C-alpha atoms as a PDB file:
ATOM      1  CA  MET A   1     147.111 111.720 104.282  1.00  0.00           C
ATOM      2  CA  ASP A   2     144.370 113.404 102.250  1.00  0.00           C
ATOM      3  CA  LYS A   3     143.645 110.164 100.334  1.00  0.00           C
ATOM      4  CA  VAL A   4     143.245 108.282 103.586  1.00  0.00           C
ATOM      5  CA  LEU A   5     140.476 110.597 104.692  1.00  0.00           C
ATOM      6  CA  GLN A   6     138.662 110.437 101.332  1.00  0.00           C
ATOM      7  CA  TRP A   7     138.204 106.669 101.085  1.00  0.00           C
ATOM      8  CA  PRO A   8     134.811 106.643 102.900  1.00  0.00           C
ATOM      9  CA  LYS A   9     133.443 109.204 100.425  1.00  0.00           C
ATOM     10  CA  ARG A  10     134.818 107.225  97.465  1.00  0.00           C
ATOM     11  CA  ALA A  11     133.317 104.018  98.881  1.00  0.00           C
ATOM     12  CA  GLU A  12     129.968 105.737  99.347  1.00  0.00           C
ATOM     13  CA  THR A  13     130.039 107.047  95.770  1.00  0.00           C
ATOM     14  CA  TRP A  14     130.964 103.620  94.430  1.00  0.00           C
ATOM     15  CA  LEU A  15     128.188 101.880  96.407  1.00  0.00           C
ATOM     16  CA  ASP A  16     125.676 104.514  95.267  1.00  0.00           C
ATOM     17  CA  SER A  17     126.648 103.876  91.643  1.00  0.00           C
ATOM     18  CA  LYS A  18     125.952 100.140  92.114  1.00  0.00           C
ATOM     19  CA  GLY A  19     122.603 100.693  93.811  1.00  0.00           C
ATOM     20  CA  LYS A  20     120.792  99.289  96.831  1.00  0.00           C
ATOM     21  CA  PRO A  21     121.991  95.666  96.329  1.00  0.00           C
ATOM     22  CA  ALA A  22     125.604  96.840  96.790  1.00  0.00           C
ATOM     23  CA  TRP A  23     124.706  98.602 100.036  1.00  0.00           C
ATOM     24  CA  ILE A  24     122.899  95.513 101.318  1.00  0.00           C
ATOM     25  CA  THR A  25     125.834  93.284 100.340  1.00  0.00           C
ATOM     26  CA  ALA A  26     128.273  95.584 102.151  1.00  0.00           C
ATOM     27  CA  MET A  27     126.043  95.522 105.231  1.00  0.00           C
ATOM     28  CA  VAL A  28     125.774  91.708 105.226  1.00  0.00           C
ATOM     29  CA  LEU A  29     129.519  91.303 104.752  1.00  0.00           C
ATOM     30  CA  GLY A  30     130.067  93.777 107.564  1.00  0.00           C
ATOM     31  CA  PHE A  31     127.856  91.682 109.849  1.00  0.00           C
ATOM     32  CA  VAL A  32     129.598  88.469 108.818  1.00  0.00           C
ATOM     33  CA  PHE A  33     133.178  89.659 109.336  1.00  0.00           C
ATOM     34  CA  VAL A  34     132.924  92.426 111.962  1.00  0.00           C
ATOM     35  CA  TRP A  35     129.382  92.879 113.241  1.00  0.00           C
ATOM     36  CA  PRO A  36     129.786  96.512 114.438  1.00  0.00           C
ATOM     37  CA  ILE A  37     130.684  97.533 110.877  1.00  0.00           C
ATOM     38  CA  GLY A  38     127.523  95.874 109.567  1.00  0.00           C
ATOM     39  CA  LEU A  39     125.505  97.628 112.231  1.00  0.00           C
ATOM     40  CA  ALA A  40     127.115 100.957 111.381  1.00  0.00           C
ATOM     41  CA  ILE A  41     126.318 100.472 107.684  1.00  0.00           C
ATOM     42  CA  LEU A  42     122.716  99.589 108.524  1.00  0.00           C
ATOM     43  CA  PHE A  43     122.272 102.709 110.651  1.00  0.00           C
ATOM     44  CA  TYR A  44     123.918 104.845 107.971  1.00  0.00           C
ATOM     45  CA  MET A  45     121.600 103.400 105.294  1.00  0.00           C
ATOM     46  CA  LEU A  46     118.535 104.140 107.417  1.00  0.00           C
ATOM     47  CA  TRP A  47     119.736 107.617 108.439  1.00  0.00           C
ATOM     48  CA  SER A  48     120.704 108.685 104.914  1.00  0.00           C
ATOM     49  CA  GLY A  49     117.495 107.354 103.330  1.00  0.00           C
ATOM     50  CA  ARG A  50     119.286 104.821 101.140  1.00  0.00           C
ATOM     51  CA  MET A  51     116.886 102.083 102.250  1.00  0.00           C
ATOM     52  CA  GLY A  52     113.937 104.007 100.844  1.00  0.00           C
ATOM     53  CA  CYS A  53     112.221 104.153 104.231  1.00  0.00           C
ATOM     54  CA  ASN A  54     112.401 107.918 104.678  1.00  0.00           C
ATOM     55  CA  ASN A  55     111.906 109.143 101.136  1.00  0.00           C
ATOM     56  CA  GLY A  56     108.638 107.479 100.125  1.00  0.00           C
ATOM     57  CA  GLY A  57     110.298 104.824  97.970  1.00  0.00           C
ATOM     58  CA  TRP A  58     108.061 103.065  95.457  1.00  0.00           C
ATOM     59  CA  ARG A  59     104.918 104.813  96.678  1.00  0.00           C
ATOM     60  CA  ARG A  60     106.222 108.185  95.516  1.00  0.00           C
ATOM     61  CA  LYS A  61     106.936 106.788  92.045  1.00  0.00           C
ATOM     62  CA  PHE A  62     103.363 105.674  91.538  1.00  0.00           C
ATOM     63  CA  THR A  63     101.428 108.393  93.335  1.00  0.00           C
ATOM     64  CA  ARG A  64     103.284 111.509  92.260  1.00  0.00           C
ATOM     65  CA  VAL A  65     101.307 113.476  89.691  1.00  0.00           C
ATOM     66  CA  ASP A  66     103.269 116.184  87.943  1.00  0.00           C
ATOM     67  CA  ALA A  67     101.724 118.737  85.631  1.00  0.00           C
ATOM     68  CA  THR A  68     102.687 118.274  81.998  1.00  0.00           C
ATOM     69  CA  GLY A  69     102.240 121.891  81.022  1.00  0.00           C
ATOM     70  CA  ASN A  70      99.376 121.032  78.697  1.00  0.00           C
ATOM     71  CA  ALA A  71      96.224 122.296  80.423  1.00  0.00           C
ATOM     72  CA  ALA A  72      93.835 120.157  78.349  1.00  0.00           C
ATOM     73  CA  PHE A  73      95.728 116.963  79.111  1.00  0.00           C
ATOM     74  CA  ASP A  74      96.083 117.828  82.800  1.00  0.00           C
ATOM     75  CA  GLU A  75      92.318 118.462  83.065  1.00  0.00           C
ATOM     76  CA  TYR A  76      91.583 115.187  81.264  1.00  0.00           C
ATOM     77  CA  ARG A  77      93.945 113.297  83.580  1.00  0.00           C
ATOM     78  CA  GLU A  78      92.435 114.855  86.718  1.00  0.00           C
ATOM     79  CA  GLU A  79      88.890 114.086  85.521  1.00  0.00           C
ATOM     80  CA  THR A  80      89.850 110.488  84.719  1.00  0.00           C
ATOM     81  CA  LEU A  81      91.524 110.011  88.117  1.00  0.00           C
ATOM     82  CA  ARG A  82      88.474 111.506  89.872  1.00  0.00           C
ATOM     83  CA  ARG A  83      86.135 109.209  87.915  1.00  0.00           C
ATOM     84  CA  LEU A  84      88.268 106.147  88.687  1.00  0.00           C
ATOM     85  CA  GLU A  85      88.314 107.032  92.384  1.00  0.00           C
ATOM     86  CA  GLU A  86      84.493 107.344  92.341  1.00  0.00           C
ATOM     87  CA  GLU A  87      84.208 103.952  90.615  1.00  0.00           C
ATOM     88  CA  ARG A  88      86.579 102.401  93.136  1.00  0.00           C
ATOM     89  CA  SER A  89      84.526 103.811  96.011  1.00  0.00           C
ATOM     90  CA  ALA A  90      81.301 102.522  94.449  1.00  0.00           C
ATOM     91  CA  PHE A  91      82.848  99.079  93.924  1.00  0.00           C
ATOM     92  CA  VAL A  92      84.096  98.925  97.530  1.00  0.00           C
ATOM     93  CA  GLY A  93      80.590  99.860  98.676  1.00  0.00           C
ATOM     94  CA  PHE A  94      79.130  97.128  96.462  1.00  0.00           C
ATOM     95  CA  LEU A  95      81.513  94.523  97.898  1.00  0.00           C
ATOM     96  CA  ASP A  96      80.654  95.671 101.422  1.00  0.00           C
ATOM     97  CA  LYS A  97      76.941  95.300 100.656  1.00  0.00           C
ATOM     98  CA  LEU A  98      77.532  91.779  99.299  1.00  0.00           C
ATOM     99  CA  ARG A  99      79.487  90.800 102.430  1.00  0.00           C
ATOM    100  CA  ARG A 100      76.706  92.097 104.677  1.00  0.00           C
ATOM    101  CA  ALA A 101      74.089  90.184 102.672  1.00  0.00           C
ATOM    102  CA  LYS A 102      76.158  86.996 102.873  1.00  0.00           C
ATOM    103  CA  ASP A 103      76.671  87.477 106.617  1.00  0.00           C
ATOM    104  CA  ARG A 104      72.916  88.030 107.066  1.00  0.00           C
ATOM    105  CA  ALA A 105      72.095  84.869 105.088  1.00  0.00           C
ATOM    106  CA  GLU A 106      74.568  82.789 107.108  1.00  0.00           C
ATOM    107  CA  PHE A 107      73.227  84.175 110.377  1.00  0.00           C
ATOM    108  CA  ASP A 108      69.619  83.498 109.331  1.00  0.00           C
ATOM    109  CA  GLN A 109      70.571  79.938 108.363  1.00  0.00           C
ATOM    110  CA  PHE A 110      72.225  79.461 111.756  1.00  0.00           C
ATOM    111  CA  MET A 111      69.144  80.750 113.577  1.00  0.00           C
ATOM    112  CA  ASN A 112      66.837  78.519 111.529  1.00  0.00           C
ATOM    113  CA  ASP A 113      69.002  75.457 112.199  1.00  0.00           C
ATOM    114  CA  ARG A 114      69.255  76.255 115.908  1.00  0.00           C
ATOM    115  CA  ASN A 115      65.531  76.736 116.384  1.00  0.00           C
ATOM    116  CA  ARG A 116      64.621  73.537 114.554  1.00  0.00           C
ATOM    117  CA  PRO A 117      63.386  70.686 116.801  1.00  0.00           C
ATOM    118  CA  ALA A 118      66.013  68.088 117.757  1.00  0.00           C
ATOM    119  CA  GLU A 119      64.052  65.102 116.316  1.00  0.00           C
ATOM    120  CA  SER A 120      64.260  66.512 112.803  1.00  0.00           C
ATOM    121  CA  ASP A 121      68.067  66.701 113.028  1.00  0.00           C
ATOM    122  CA  PRO A 122      69.475  63.610 111.211  1.00  0.00           C
ATOM    123  CA  THR A 123      72.786  63.784 113.074  1.00  0.00           C
ATOM    124  CA  THR A 124      71.165  63.002 116.476  1.00  0.00           C
ATOM    125  CA  ALA A 125      69.510  59.767 115.336  1.00  0.00           C
END
């Protein structure tokens, strides 16, 4: 009887060892054969964080900054990240300025075309 009660834990361990594709496959097969089982697997994946929705997923991998223990390197890294963030902000500001200039030029062209007399417009002839 004890083995009967342990099969869900063994299945969970096996699916975890195979990764997220195994969980997704189990969920799809559950939906195909007995839809409540697929739904239960989906809810369990979301609740337990196996879908990566609750635990930060890929974003945590790329944004987590851990100290290395070497103070000189950590200071260098922080300074470099600060400088890159300043450059990014300056570049975004530059792009914004270019967009505003382009918008202004297009608006001025529109106003010039609109205020031009109708007889000079070649499309009305």
